[in-house]
Amino acid sequence: MTQLRLLGLSGSLRRASNSTAVLRGLQDALAPKAALDIFSLHGLPLYNEDDDGEHAPEWVRALRSAIETSDGVIMVSPRVQSRHVRRPEEFARLASRPYGRSVLRGKPVTDDDGLARLHRRRARARSK
């Protein structure tokens, strides 16, 4: 049986980030059934169509390659005043471009809200 390969993205840049700690906990919990590779968003540029395609920065090419080789993506991002920080939006913008060639096509993607909803559904099902 082939091991599932997931890509984890933390929306926080802090070394002691809670978002990254959640991903590390998932990494431990999923092993050995799935491999969760954590990709740092440190250095994430703002999307600029002029710098895309053949001219995409090395960091963007590395991110797109990591997504292409994964079976799915998990994003965990801090909240500020009940709103996610902007980093996941920039990630989605970079990963979904250029138009018609998104590396996210056909890949399941979830965020910490999706994981929380799944946990609540499972907890309700167990309590019945």
C-alpha atoms as a PDB file:
ATOM      1  CA  MET A   1       0.000   0.000   0.000  1.00  0.00           C
ATOM      2  CA  THR A   2       1.354   3.399  -0.998  1.00  0.00           C
ATOM      3  CA  GLN A   3       1.762   5.956   1.777  1.00  0.00           C
ATOM      4  CA  LEU A   4      -0.343   9.109   1.430  1.00  0.00           C
ATOM      5  CA  ARG A   5       1.816  12.237   0.977  1.00  0.00           C
ATOM      6  CA  LEU A   6       0.373  15.451   2.389  1.00  0.00           C
ATOM      7  CA  LEU A   7       1.772  18.969   2.330  1.00  0.00           C
ATOM      8  CA  GLY A   8       1.334  21.106   5.457  1.00  0.00           C
ATOM      9  CA  LEU A   9       1.455  24.902   5.232  1.00  0.00           C
ATOM     10  CA  SER A  10       1.687  27.090   8.306  1.00  0.00           C
ATOM     11  CA  GLY A  11       0.383  30.628   7.929  1.00  0.00           C
ATOM     12  CA  SER A  12       2.608  31.859  10.756  1.00  0.00           C
ATOM     13  CA  LEU A  13       6.266  32.820  10.436  1.00  0.00           C
ATOM     14  CA  ARG A  14       7.119  32.656  14.151  1.00  0.00           C
ATOM     15  CA  ARG A  15       9.580  29.944  15.248  1.00  0.00           C
ATOM     16  CA  ALA A  16       7.330  29.059  18.202  1.00  0.00           C
ATOM     17  CA  SER A  17       4.155  29.234  16.110  1.00  0.00           C
ATOM     18  CA  ASN A  18       1.038  27.452  17.344  1.00  0.00           C
ATOM     19  CA  SER A  19       0.049  26.842  13.708  1.00  0.00           C
ATOM     20  CA  THR A  20       3.310  25.031  13.017  1.00  0.00           C
ATOM     21  CA  ALA A  21       2.949  23.119  16.299  1.00  0.00           C
ATOM     22  CA  VAL A  22      -0.474  21.885  15.134  1.00  0.00           C
ATOM     23  CA  LEU A  23       1.093  20.655  11.889  1.00  0.00           C
ATOM     24  CA  ARG A  24       3.883  18.896  13.795  1.00  0.00           C
ATOM     25  CA  GLY A  25       1.262  17.215  15.981  1.00  0.00           C
ATOM     26  CA  LEU A  26      -0.603  16.086  12.856  1.00  0.00           C
ATOM     27  CA  GLN A  27       2.670  14.863  11.406  1.00  0.00           C
ATOM     28  CA  ASP A  28       3.201  12.616  14.451  1.00  0.00           C
ATOM     29  CA  ALA A  29      -0.434  11.481  14.588  1.00  0.00           C
ATOM     30  CA  LEU A  30      -0.583  10.556  10.899  1.00  0.00           C
ATOM     31  CA  ALA A  31       2.652   8.552  10.820  1.00  0.00           C
ATOM     32  CA  PRO A  32       3.097   5.846   9.516  1.00  0.00           C
ATOM     33  CA  LYS A  33      -0.163   5.925   7.515  1.00  0.00           C
ATOM     34  CA  ALA A  34       0.629   9.265   5.876  1.00  0.00           C
ATOM     35  CA  ALA A  35       3.664  11.488   5.463  1.00  0.00           C
ATOM     36  CA  LEU A  36       3.058  15.167   6.196  1.00  0.00           C
ATOM     37  CA  ASP A  37       5.793  17.415   4.821  1.00  0.00           C
ATOM     38  CA  ILE A  38       5.731  20.909   6.340  1.00  0.00           C
ATOM     39  CA  PHE A  39       6.582  23.651   3.843  1.00  0.00           C
ATOM     40  CA  SER A  40       7.589  27.010   5.276  1.00  0.00           C
ATOM     41  CA  LEU A  41       5.753  30.013   3.870  1.00  0.00           C
ATOM     42  CA  HIS A  42       8.620  32.241   5.012  1.00  0.00           C
ATOM     43  CA  GLY A  43       9.537  34.258   1.944  1.00  0.00           C
ATOM     44  CA  LEU A  44       6.091  34.006   0.362  1.00  0.00           C
ATOM     45  CA  PRO A  45       5.966  36.839  -2.189  1.00  0.00           C
ATOM     46  CA  LEU A  46       2.882  38.779  -3.166  1.00  0.00           C
ATOM     47  CA  TYR A  47       1.516  37.493  -6.447  1.00  0.00           C
ATOM     48  CA  ASN A  48       2.669  39.430  -9.503  1.00  0.00           C
ATOM     49  CA  GLU A  49       1.561  38.087 -12.898  1.00  0.00           C
ATOM     50  CA  ASP A  50       4.578  39.743 -14.531  1.00  0.00           C
ATOM     51  CA  ASP A  51       6.850  37.449 -12.488  1.00  0.00           C
ATOM     52  CA  ASP A  52       4.957  34.223 -13.230  1.00  0.00           C
ATOM     53  CA  GLY A  53       5.335  31.406 -15.737  1.00  0.00           C
ATOM     54  CA  GLU A  54       8.925  31.066 -16.919  1.00  0.00           C
ATOM     55  CA  HIS A  55       9.912  34.017 -14.719  1.00  0.00           C
ATOM     56  CA  ALA A  56       8.450  32.688 -11.459  1.00  0.00           C
ATOM     57  CA  PRO A  57      10.818  33.049  -8.501  1.00  0.00           C
ATOM     58  CA  GLU A  58      12.563  29.879  -7.301  1.00  0.00           C
ATOM     59  CA  TRP A  59      10.489  29.938  -4.088  1.00  0.00           C
ATOM     60  CA  VAL A  60       7.230  29.833  -6.093  1.00  0.00           C
ATOM     61  CA  ARG A  61       8.524  27.006  -8.301  1.00  0.00           C
ATOM     62  CA  ALA A  62       9.511  25.024  -5.179  1.00  0.00           C
ATOM     63  CA  LEU A  63       6.037  25.535  -3.663  1.00  0.00           C
ATOM     64  CA  ARG A  64       4.285  24.453  -6.860  1.00  0.00           C
ATOM     65  CA  SER A  65       6.537  21.398  -7.126  1.00  0.00           C
ATOM     66  CA  ALA A  66       5.780  20.433  -3.503  1.00  0.00           C
ATOM     67  CA  ILE A  67       2.043  20.704  -4.208  1.00  0.00           C
ATOM     68  CA  GLU A  68       2.326  18.663  -7.419  1.00  0.00           C
ATOM     69  CA  THR A  69       4.080  15.802  -5.623  1.00  0.00           C
ATOM     70  CA  SER A  70       1.596  15.757  -2.734  1.00  0.00           C
ATOM     71  CA  ASP A  71      -1.759  13.984  -2.530  1.00  0.00           C
ATOM     72  CA  GLY A  72      -3.380  16.872  -0.629  1.00  0.00           C
ATOM     73  CA  VAL A  73      -2.731  20.114   1.236  1.00  0.00           C
ATOM     74  CA  ILE A  74      -3.451  21.113   4.847  1.00  0.00           C
ATOM     75  CA  MET A  75      -3.213  24.811   5.780  1.00  0.00           C
ATOM     76  CA  VAL A  76      -3.115  25.978   9.382  1.00  0.00           C
ATOM     77  CA  SER A  77      -3.181  29.710   9.955  1.00  0.00           C
ATOM     78  CA  PRO A  78      -3.372  32.005  12.975  1.00  0.00           C
ATOM     79  CA  ARG A  79      -6.322  34.292  13.453  1.00  0.00           C
ATOM     80  CA  VAL A  80      -6.219  37.957  14.302  1.00  0.00           C
ATOM     81  CA  GLN A  81      -9.471  39.492  15.541  1.00  0.00           C
ATOM     82  CA  SER A  82     -11.432  36.390  14.384  1.00  0.00           C
ATOM     83  CA  ARG A  83     -10.038  36.574  10.838  1.00  0.00           C
ATOM     84  CA  HIS A  84      -7.343  34.478   9.184  1.00  0.00           C
ATOM     85  CA  VAL A  85      -4.136  36.276   8.367  1.00  0.00           C
ATOM     86  CA  ARG A  86      -3.514  37.039   4.702  1.00  0.00           C
ATOM     87  CA  ARG A  87      -0.800  34.448   4.017  1.00  0.00           C
ATOM     88  CA  PRO A  88      -3.190  31.616   2.980  1.00  0.00           C
ATOM     89  CA  GLU A  89      -4.812  33.936   0.443  1.00  0.00           C
ATOM     90  CA  GLU A  90      -1.434  34.645  -1.159  1.00  0.00           C
ATOM     91  CA  PHE A  91      -0.612  30.924  -1.110  1.00  0.00           C
ATOM     92  CA  ALA A  92      -3.866  30.162  -2.964  1.00  0.00           C
ATOM     93  CA  ARG A  93      -3.199  32.951  -5.458  1.00  0.00           C
ATOM     94  CA  LEU A  94       0.312  31.640  -6.213  1.00  0.00           C
ATOM     95  CA  ALA A  95      -0.739  27.972  -6.374  1.00  0.00           C
ATOM     96  CA  SER A  96      -3.763  28.538  -8.604  1.00  0.00           C
ATOM     97  CA  ARG A  97      -1.887  30.483 -11.287  1.00  0.00           C
ATOM     98  CA  PRO A  98      -1.128  30.690 -14.156  1.00  0.00           C
ATOM     99  CA  TYR A  99      -4.703  30.398 -15.321  1.00  0.00           C
ATOM    100  CA  GLY A 100      -5.574  26.908 -16.508  1.00  0.00           C
ATOM    101  CA  ARG A 101      -2.431  25.331 -15.037  1.00  0.00           C
ATOM    102  CA  SER A 102      -3.196  25.308 -11.311  1.00  0.00           C
ATOM    103  CA  VAL A 103      -1.169  22.741  -9.353  1.00  0.00           C
ATOM    104  CA  LEU A 104      -4.154  22.552  -6.981  1.00  0.00           C
ATOM    105  CA  ARG A 105      -6.435  21.053  -9.651  1.00  0.00           C
ATOM    106  CA  GLY A 106      -7.805  17.749  -8.359  1.00  0.00           C
ATOM    107  CA  LYS A 107      -6.047  18.063  -4.981  1.00  0.00           C
ATOM    108  CA  PRO A 108      -8.020  18.023  -1.759  1.00  0.00           C
ATOM    109  CA  VAL A 109      -7.209  21.125   0.289  1.00  0.00           C
ATOM    110  CA  THR A 110      -8.377  21.838   3.820  1.00  0.00           C
ATOM    111  CA  ASP A 111      -7.595  24.386   6.468  1.00  0.00           C
ATOM    112  CA  ASP A 112      -7.803  24.406  10.244  1.00  0.00           C
ATOM    113  CA  ASP A 113     -11.497  25.362  10.041  1.00  0.00           C
ATOM    114  CA  GLY A 114     -12.138  22.250   7.951  1.00  0.00           C
ATOM    115  CA  LEU A 115     -10.231  20.098  10.439  1.00  0.00           C
ATOM    116  CA  ALA A 116     -12.219  21.600  13.323  1.00  0.00           C
ATOM    117  CA  ARG A 117     -15.529  20.896  11.550  1.00  0.00           C
ATOM    118  CA  LEU A 118     -14.470  17.277  10.932  1.00  0.00           C
ATOM    119  CA  HIS A 119     -13.492  16.871  14.596  1.00  0.00           C
ATOM    120  CA  ARG A 120     -16.852  18.293  15.764  1.00  0.00           C
ATOM    121  CA  ARG A 121     -18.788  15.982  13.412  1.00  0.00           C
ATOM    122  CA  ARG A 122     -16.888  12.944  14.666  1.00  0.00           C
ATOM    123  CA  ALA A 123     -17.373  13.981  18.291  1.00  0.00           C
ATOM    124  CA  ARG A 124     -21.141  14.382  17.752  1.00  0.00           C
ATOM    125  CA  ALA A 125     -21.328  10.993  16.021  1.00  0.00           C
ATOM    126  CA  ARG A 126     -19.528   9.300  18.942  1.00  0.00           C
ATOM    127  CA  SER A 127     -21.813  10.924  21.513  1.00  0.00           C
ATOM    128  CA  LYS A 128     -24.989   9.527  19.897  1.00  0.00           C
END
